[in-house]
Amino acid sequence: MADDKSATIGFMNENAIVSALRDTYLSFAERREALGLSNPGTFDNIAREVQKDVFLQNYMFTGLRADLTKAFSVAPLFQVSHAFSMGSQGMPPYTFATLYGTPKVFLQGNIDNDGQLSARANYRWTNSFATKTNAQIAPGPGQAMLQVDNDYTGKDFTASLKALNPSLLEGGLTGIFIASYLQSLTPSLAVGLEAMWQRTALNAGPETAVSYSAKYKRNDWIVAAQLQAQGAISTSYWRRLTEKVEAGVDLNLQFAPGIGGRGSGLMGSGMRKEGTTTIGAKYDFRASTFRAQVDSSGRLSCLLEKRVAPPVQLTFAGEIDQFKQQAKIGLAVSIEAAGEDLMEQQEKAAGSTAPPPPF
């Protein structure tokens, strides 16, 4: 048995076709390694520096809000929080949340006063491959949601596969499935594509779409562009002006058929074009962060986060819509409670080489 296995391995090593393919792959891998390419991130975060770091979309809120967080452990990470809000759009009056994290596992659960439950469960199989699950259950029919993400992070590429509400209960496959791939071509340039397949029900035909993206990065500025299948073009530009000041510009263009359709001869027929331009800046001070942005639709927004004490942070948000003559403001206070032993654990964790939880 051992002789047959050795003979098979020897044949594979001496085969001319196999040797040529192996030499070609090794030569390609050496040249690829010599380029010194880095991981470009994920397709979803192609414009993360502008849309998630500088702009206010992930931070804006209205009304009054109070967050109380109690940390019980750092390694493993375990904490609970209570969130109260009043006069806020889209936020429940009360939410209880808890999370647990290790280098391989991250668990988080939220439940509000209306009974809406959301949970996240992430698991890092290896240093390169992680699975992330997000589930939501709310009172009423059709309010449940399940999303499963699988991300593989290579040295110079990232591949992702997502499934949104996948199901076989109707006798066939339904749901939304998205596959994306982002590859670094040079130390500065990365390109990628995203393919989407969805089927809402078996009596409806499947729909497909493909999007393309590119990202060019230098030491202190980044340019990103994305072409979506729905006829939308999104471009962004991020620049670090100083060590503590960042700025970004985002341009979004959408093309869609007019009301009357092509060739109908009605007013508004043909291609309808809509576009929005947003300019924002972020200032990092010693104990505070200030963000501001303005867009072409007449909205001016700002947000100030101020650390008044180590466990206390105040946040002020404001927005003015010049065209609609509307104004919104928000005020929040966040209190984090932790004992002296947790402070010592944080200092030890800061010097540890263990990877963070798979958030």
Protein backbone atom coordinates (compact mmCIF):
# COMPACT_ATOMS: atom_id res chain seq x y z
CA MET A 1 0.00 0.00 0.00
CA ALA A 2 2.85 2.35 0.87
CA ASP A 3 4.62 1.44 -2.40
CA ASP A 4 1.49 2.31 -4.43
CA LYS A 5 1.21 5.67 -2.66
CA SER A 6 4.91 6.43 -3.27
CA ALA A 7 4.54 5.46 -6.92
CA THR A 8 1.55 7.79 -7.30
CA ILE A 9 3.44 10.71 -5.72
CA GLY A 10 6.46 10.00 -7.89
CA PHE A 11 4.32 9.98 -11.04
CA MET A 12 2.78 13.32 -10.08
CA ASN A 13 6.24 14.83 -9.49
CA GLU A 14 7.65 13.50 -12.76
CA ASN A 15 4.61 14.31 -14.93
CA ALA A 16 5.49 17.10 -17.37
CA ILE A 17 2.08 18.77 -17.25
CA VAL A 18 1.91 18.74 -13.46
CA SER A 19 5.47 20.05 -13.20
CA ALA A 20 4.73 22.88 -15.64
CA LEU A 21 1.61 23.90 -13.73
CA ARG A 22 3.46 23.75 -10.41
CA ASP A 23 6.38 25.83 -11.73
CA THR A 24 3.97 28.39 -13.20
CA TYR A 25 2.10 28.69 -9.90
CA LEU A 26 5.30 28.99 -7.86
CA SER A 27 6.67 31.64 -10.23
CA PHE A 28 3.42 33.59 -10.03
CA ALA A 29 3.39 33.31 -6.23
CA GLU A 30 6.99 34.58 -5.99
CA ARG A 31 6.26 37.59 -8.19
CA ARG A 32 3.08 38.26 -6.23
CA GLU A 33 5.00 38.09 -2.95
CA ALA A 34 7.68 40.43 -4.31
CA LEU A 35 5.08 43.14 -4.95
CA GLY A 36 4.52 43.52 -1.21
CA LEU A 37 0.73 43.72 -1.53
CA SER A 38 -1.44 44.28 1.53
CA ASN A 39 -5.00 43.30 2.29
CA PRO A 40 -7.41 45.85 0.72
CA GLY A 41 -10.27 45.33 3.17
CA THR A 42 -13.76 44.20 2.26
CA PHE A 43 -15.96 45.16 -0.67
CA ASP A 44 -18.59 46.68 1.65
CA ASN A 45 -15.98 48.95 3.24
CA ILE A 46 -14.48 50.21 -0.01
CA ALA A 47 -15.17 53.80 1.13
CA ARG A 48 -14.98 53.22 4.89
CA GLU A 49 -12.64 56.16 5.58
CA VAL A 50 -15.25 58.62 4.27
CA GLN A 51 -18.63 57.04 4.91
CA LYS A 52 -17.94 55.46 8.32
CA ASP A 53 -15.08 57.48 9.82
CA VAL A 54 -15.71 61.06 8.68
CA PHE A 55 -19.42 61.26 7.86
CA LEU A 56 -22.17 61.29 10.48
CA GLN A 57 -24.60 58.63 9.19
CA ASN A 58 -23.55 56.07 11.81
CA TYR A 59 -23.56 58.59 14.67
CA MET A 60 -26.58 60.89 14.14
CA PHE A 61 -29.57 60.71 16.47
CA THR A 62 -32.33 62.96 17.77
CA GLY A 63 -33.95 63.50 21.16
CA LEU A 64 -32.48 62.56 24.52
CA ARG A 65 -30.46 59.40 25.13
CA ALA A 66 -28.67 57.83 28.08
CA ASP A 67 -26.40 54.77 27.94
CA LEU A 68 -25.25 52.95 31.06
CA THR A 69 -22.60 50.26 30.56
CA LYS A 70 -21.17 47.92 33.18
CA ALA A 71 -18.06 45.89 32.33
CA PHE A 72 -17.48 42.72 34.30
CA SER A 73 -14.44 41.35 32.50
CA VAL A 74 -11.91 42.30 29.83
CA ALA A 75 -10.38 38.94 28.93
CA PRO A 76 -12.80 37.46 28.08
CA LEU A 77 -14.82 40.56 27.26
CA PHE A 78 -18.18 40.64 29.06
CA GLN A 79 -20.43 43.62 29.67
CA VAL A 80 -24.08 44.63 29.90
CA SER A 81 -25.71 47.95 29.04
CA HIS A 82 -29.00 49.81 29.46
CA ALA A 83 -30.05 52.38 26.86
CA PHE A 84 -32.82 54.93 27.44
CA SER A 85 -34.15 57.34 24.83
CA MET A 86 -36.90 59.94 24.55
CA GLY A 87 -38.13 61.79 21.49
CA SER A 88 -35.82 59.80 19.23
CA GLN A 89 -36.86 58.64 15.78
CA GLY A 90 -36.27 54.95 15.20
CA MET A 91 -34.97 54.23 18.71
CA PRO A 92 -37.06 52.41 21.35
CA PRO A 93 -37.49 53.97 24.80
CA TYR A 94 -35.50 51.17 26.48
CA THR A 95 -33.00 48.58 25.26
CA PHE A 96 -31.06 46.00 27.23
CA ALA A 97 -27.89 44.61 25.67
CA THR A 98 -25.15 42.20 26.62
CA LEU A 99 -22.02 41.04 24.84
CA TYR A 100 -19.30 38.44 25.27
CA GLY A 101 -16.08 38.18 23.33
CA THR A 102 -12.95 36.05 23.08
CA PRO A 103 -10.31 35.88 20.33
CA LYS A 104 -12.52 33.29 18.57
CA VAL A 105 -16.09 34.06 19.64
CA PHE A 106 -18.21 37.21 19.75
CA LEU A 107 -21.80 37.12 21.05
CA GLN A 108 -24.17 40.07 21.39
CA GLY A 109 -27.88 40.31 22.17
CA ASN A 110 -30.32 43.24 22.37
CA ILE A 111 -33.97 43.35 23.43
CA ASP A 112 -36.17 46.44 23.69
CA ASN A 113 -39.41 47.27 25.47
CA ASP A 114 -41.47 46.34 22.38
CA GLY A 115 -40.11 42.78 22.41
CA GLN A 116 -37.85 43.16 19.39
CA LEU A 117 -34.86 40.84 19.75
CA SER A 118 -31.62 41.04 17.79
CA ALA A 119 -28.60 38.80 18.20
CA ARG A 120 -25.13 38.47 16.68
CA ALA A 121 -22.93 35.38 16.81
CA ASN A 122 -19.49 35.50 15.18
CA TYR A 123 -16.89 32.75 15.13
CA ARG A 124 -13.30 32.93 13.89
CA TRP A 125 -12.42 29.49 12.47
CA THR A 126 -8.86 30.51 11.60
CA ASN A 127 -6.89 33.75 11.52
CA SER A 128 -8.17 34.26 7.95
CA PHE A 129 -11.71 32.84 7.97
CA ALA A 130 -14.66 34.03 10.07
CA THR A 131 -18.42 33.46 10.06
CA LYS A 132 -20.78 36.20 11.23
CA THR A 133 -24.48 35.65 11.95
CA ASN A 134 -27.10 38.32 12.56
CA ALA A 135 -30.71 37.51 13.50
CA GLN A 136 -33.68 39.74 14.31
CA ILE A 137 -37.12 38.80 15.63
CA ALA A 138 -39.91 41.33 16.11
CA PRO A 139 -43.61 41.12 16.95
CA GLY A 140 -45.82 40.79 13.89
CA PRO A 141 -45.66 38.71 10.72
CA GLY A 142 -42.76 39.11 8.32
CA GLN A 143 -40.50 40.82 10.84
CA ALA A 144 -37.87 38.08 11.19
CA MET A 145 -34.47 38.37 9.51
CA LEU A 146 -31.43 36.11 9.30
CA GLN A 147 -28.10 37.02 7.73
CA VAL A 148 -25.01 34.82 7.53
CA ASP A 149 -21.66 36.25 6.35
CA ASN A 150 -18.51 34.30 5.60
CA ASP A 151 -15.33 36.35 5.15
CA TYR A 152 -11.94 35.04 4.09
CA THR A 153 -9.07 37.49 4.49
CA GLY A 154 -5.94 36.71 2.49
CA LYS A 155 -2.64 38.54 2.34
CA ASP A 156 -3.70 40.63 -0.66
CA PHE A 157 -7.41 39.86 -1.15
CA THR A 158 -10.72 39.43 0.65
CA ALA A 159 -13.52 37.09 -0.42
CA SER A 160 -17.01 37.19 1.11
CA LEU A 161 -20.20 35.18 0.76
CA LYS A 162 -23.45 36.42 2.32
CA ALA A 163 -26.92 34.92 2.63
CA LEU A 164 -29.96 36.98 3.66
CA ASN A 165 -33.05 35.04 4.76
CA PRO A 166 -32.02 31.79 3.02
CA SER A 167 -34.77 29.17 2.98
CA LEU A 168 -35.67 25.78 1.47
CA LEU A 169 -39.06 25.47 3.18
CA GLU A 170 -41.04 26.31 0.03
CA GLY A 171 -39.53 23.43 -1.91
CA GLY A 172 -36.79 25.50 -3.51
CA LEU A 173 -34.08 28.00 -2.71
CA THR A 174 -35.20 31.54 -1.84
CA GLY A 175 -33.45 34.52 -0.30
CA ILE A 176 -30.66 36.90 -1.24
CA PHE A 177 -27.11 35.67 -1.85
CA ILE A 178 -24.16 38.00 -2.39
CA ALA A 179 -20.59 37.05 -3.30
CA SER A 180 -17.81 39.65 -3.43
CA TYR A 181 -14.08 39.66 -4.10
CA LEU A 182 -11.58 42.50 -3.63
CA GLN A 183 -7.99 42.09 -4.87
CA SER A 184 -4.90 44.30 -4.56
CA LEU A 185 -3.16 44.67 -7.92
CA THR A 186 -0.43 47.06 -6.78
CA PRO A 187 0.51 48.44 -3.34
CA SER A 188 -1.86 51.36 -4.12
CA LEU A 189 -4.58 49.94 -6.40
CA ALA A 190 -7.31 47.41 -5.58
CA VAL A 191 -10.26 46.32 -7.72
CA GLY A 192 -13.23 44.09 -6.98
CA LEU A 193 -16.67 42.91 -7.99
CA GLU A 194 -19.85 41.85 -6.27
CA ALA A 195 -22.50 39.50 -7.65
CA MET A 196 -26.02 39.28 -6.22
CA TRP A 197 -28.69 36.59 -6.75
CA GLN A 198 -32.11 36.90 -5.17
CA ARG A 199 -35.44 35.14 -5.31
CA THR A 200 -38.26 36.29 -3.06
CA ALA A 201 -40.58 33.37 -3.81
CA LEU A 202 -40.72 30.26 -6.00
CA ASN A 203 -43.46 31.76 -8.18
CA ALA A 204 -41.13 34.67 -9.00
CA GLY A 205 -38.10 34.43 -11.20
CA PRO A 206 -34.60 35.00 -9.83
CA GLU A 207 -32.88 38.36 -10.23
CA THR A 208 -29.17 38.95 -10.64
CA ALA A 209 -26.94 42.01 -10.46
CA VAL A 210 -23.21 42.73 -10.62
CA SER A 211 -21.36 45.71 -9.15
CA TYR A 212 -17.75 46.81 -9.67
CA SER A 213 -15.42 48.84 -7.47
CA ALA A 214 -11.91 50.26 -7.41
CA LYS A 215 -9.78 51.87 -4.71
CA TYR A 216 -6.54 53.83 -5.02
CA LYS A 217 -4.62 54.56 -1.81
CA ARG A 218 -1.67 56.77 -1.02
CA ASN A 219 -0.07 57.77 2.27
CA ASP A 220 -2.49 60.60 3.09
CA TRP A 221 -5.35 60.30 0.59
CA ILE A 222 -7.69 57.63 -0.82
CA VAL A 223 -9.96 57.59 -3.87
CA ALA A 224 -12.72 54.97 -4.25
CA ALA A 225 -15.36 54.40 -6.92
CA GLN A 226 -18.22 51.94 -7.27
CA LEU A 227 -20.49 51.15 -10.23
CA GLN A 228 -23.72 49.45 -9.17
CA ALA A 229 -25.97 47.34 -11.36
CA GLN A 230 -28.99 49.58 -10.67
CA GLY A 231 -27.34 52.38 -12.61
CA ALA A 232 -25.75 54.20 -9.66
CA ILE A 233 -22.21 55.56 -9.54
CA SER A 234 -20.59 56.39 -6.22
CA THR A 235 -17.20 58.05 -5.81
CA SER A 236 -15.41 59.24 -2.68
CA TYR A 237 -12.23 61.09 -1.80
CA TRP A 238 -10.61 61.04 1.64
CA ARG A 239 -7.62 63.07 2.76
CA ARG A 240 -5.74 63.52 6.01
CA LEU A 241 -5.04 67.22 6.28
CA THR A 242 -3.13 67.07 9.56
CA GLU A 243 -2.48 64.47 12.23
CA LYS A 244 -5.86 65.23 13.85
CA VAL A 245 -7.94 66.51 10.92
CA GLU A 246 -9.57 64.41 8.18
CA ALA A 247 -11.84 65.46 5.33
CA GLY A 248 -13.93 63.60 2.77
CA VAL A 249 -16.12 64.15 -0.29
CA ASP A 250 -18.73 61.70 -1.58
CA LEU A 251 -20.57 61.95 -4.91
CA ASN A 252 -23.53 59.69 -5.66
CA LEU A 253 -25.22 59.64 -9.09
CA GLN A 254 -28.30 57.59 -9.92
CA PHE A 255 -29.71 56.97 -13.39
CA ALA A 256 -33.24 55.62 -13.85
CA PRO A 257 -35.90 55.62 -16.61
CA GLY A 258 -38.30 58.56 -16.58
CA ILE A 259 -41.98 58.45 -15.67
CA GLY A 260 -43.20 57.89 -19.19
CA GLY A 261 -40.60 55.29 -20.10
CA ARG A 262 -38.28 55.37 -23.08
CA GLY A 263 -39.84 56.61 -26.27
CA SER A 264 -43.27 57.28 -24.75
CA GLY A 265 -43.21 60.96 -25.67
CA LEU A 266 -44.58 62.01 -22.28
CA MET A 267 -43.11 64.71 -20.12
CA GLY A 268 -40.44 63.24 -17.91
CA SER A 269 -39.69 60.33 -20.22
CA GLY A 270 -36.16 59.22 -20.96
CA MET A 271 -33.36 58.92 -18.44
CA ARG A 272 -33.80 60.64 -15.09
CA LYS A 273 -30.60 61.68 -13.33
CA GLU A 274 -30.28 62.37 -9.61
CA GLY A 275 -27.15 63.21 -7.71
CA THR A 276 -26.03 64.13 -4.20
CA THR A 277 -22.69 65.53 -3.11
CA THR A 278 -21.61 65.46 0.53
CA ILE A 279 -18.60 67.19 2.09
CA GLY A 280 -17.49 66.42 5.63
CA ALA A 281 -14.65 66.89 8.08
CA LYS A 282 -13.53 65.28 11.32
CA TYR A 283 -11.47 66.97 14.05
CA ASP A 284 -9.85 64.95 16.84
CA PHE A 285 -8.98 66.92 19.95
CA ARG A 286 -7.37 65.73 23.18
CA ALA A 287 -10.64 64.68 24.83
CA SER A 288 -13.26 65.23 22.13
CA THR A 289 -14.15 64.58 18.50
CA PHE A 290 -16.07 66.95 16.23
CA ARG A 291 -17.69 65.95 12.93
CA ALA A 292 -19.51 68.18 10.45
CA GLN A 293 -20.93 67.67 6.97
CA VAL A 294 -23.06 69.47 4.38
CA ASP A 295 -24.70 68.06 1.27
CA SER A 296 -26.20 69.42 -1.92
CA SER A 297 -29.76 68.83 -0.67
CA GLY A 298 -29.33 71.63 1.86
CA ARG A 299 -28.69 69.61 5.01
CA LEU A 300 -26.05 70.74 7.47
CA SER A 301 -25.13 68.34 10.29
CA CYS A 302 -22.65 68.34 13.14
CA LEU A 303 -21.79 66.04 16.02
CA LEU A 304 -19.58 66.64 19.07
CA GLU A 305 -18.36 63.85 21.36
CA LYS A 306 -16.79 65.11 24.59
CA ARG A 307 -15.12 62.98 27.24
CA VAL A 308 -15.77 65.01 30.42
CA ALA A 309 -14.34 62.28 32.68
CA PRO A 310 -12.82 58.82 32.09
CA PRO A 311 -16.19 57.05 32.55
CA VAL A 312 -18.50 59.83 31.24
CA GLN A 313 -18.99 61.02 27.66
CA LEU A 314 -21.41 63.66 26.36
CA THR A 315 -22.61 63.74 22.76
CA PHE A 316 -24.42 66.58 20.98
CA ALA A 317 -25.93 66.17 17.51
CA GLY A 318 -27.67 68.75 15.34
CA GLU A 319 -29.06 68.92 11.82
CA ILE A 320 -30.64 71.73 9.79
CA ASP A 321 -32.48 71.17 6.49
CA GLN A 322 -32.45 74.51 4.69
CA PHE A 323 -34.90 73.53 1.92
CA LYS A 324 -37.49 71.87 4.19
CA GLN A 325 -37.00 74.41 7.00
CA GLN A 326 -36.55 71.68 9.59
CA ALA A 327 -34.14 71.30 12.48
CA LYS A 328 -33.25 68.34 14.71
CA ILE A 329 -31.10 68.10 17.81
CA GLY A 330 -29.95 65.30 20.07
CA LEU A 331 -28.19 65.07 23.41
CA ALA A 332 -26.73 61.89 24.93
CA VAL A 333 -24.76 60.90 27.99
CA SER A 334 -22.80 57.65 28.23
CA ILE A 335 -21.50 56.26 31.51
CA GLU A 336 -19.13 53.30 31.67
CA ALA A 337 -18.65 51.62 35.05
CA ALA A 338 -15.56 49.54 35.71
CA GLY A 339 -13.57 48.65 38.80
CA GLU A 340 -9.86 49.07 39.43
CA ASP A 341 -9.25 45.39 38.71
CA LEU A 342 -10.71 45.87 35.24
CA MET A 343 -8.35 48.77 34.65
CA GLU A 344 -5.45 46.46 35.38
CA GLN A 345 -6.91 43.87 33.01
CA GLN A 346 -7.16 46.50 30.27
CA GLU A 347 -3.52 47.44 30.71
CA LYS A 348 -2.50 43.78 30.47
CA ALA A 349 -4.75 43.25 27.42
CA ALA A 350 -3.21 46.29 25.70
CA GLY A 351 0.21 44.61 25.78
CA SER A 352 -1.12 41.21 24.74
CA THR A 353 -0.59 39.85 21.22
CA ALA A 354 -3.91 37.95 21.19
CA PRO A 355 -6.26 38.97 18.35
CA PRO A 356 -9.39 40.96 19.26
CA PRO A 357 -12.84 39.34 19.17
CA PRO A 358 -14.30 38.89 15.66
CA PHE A 359 -16.58 41.93 15.77
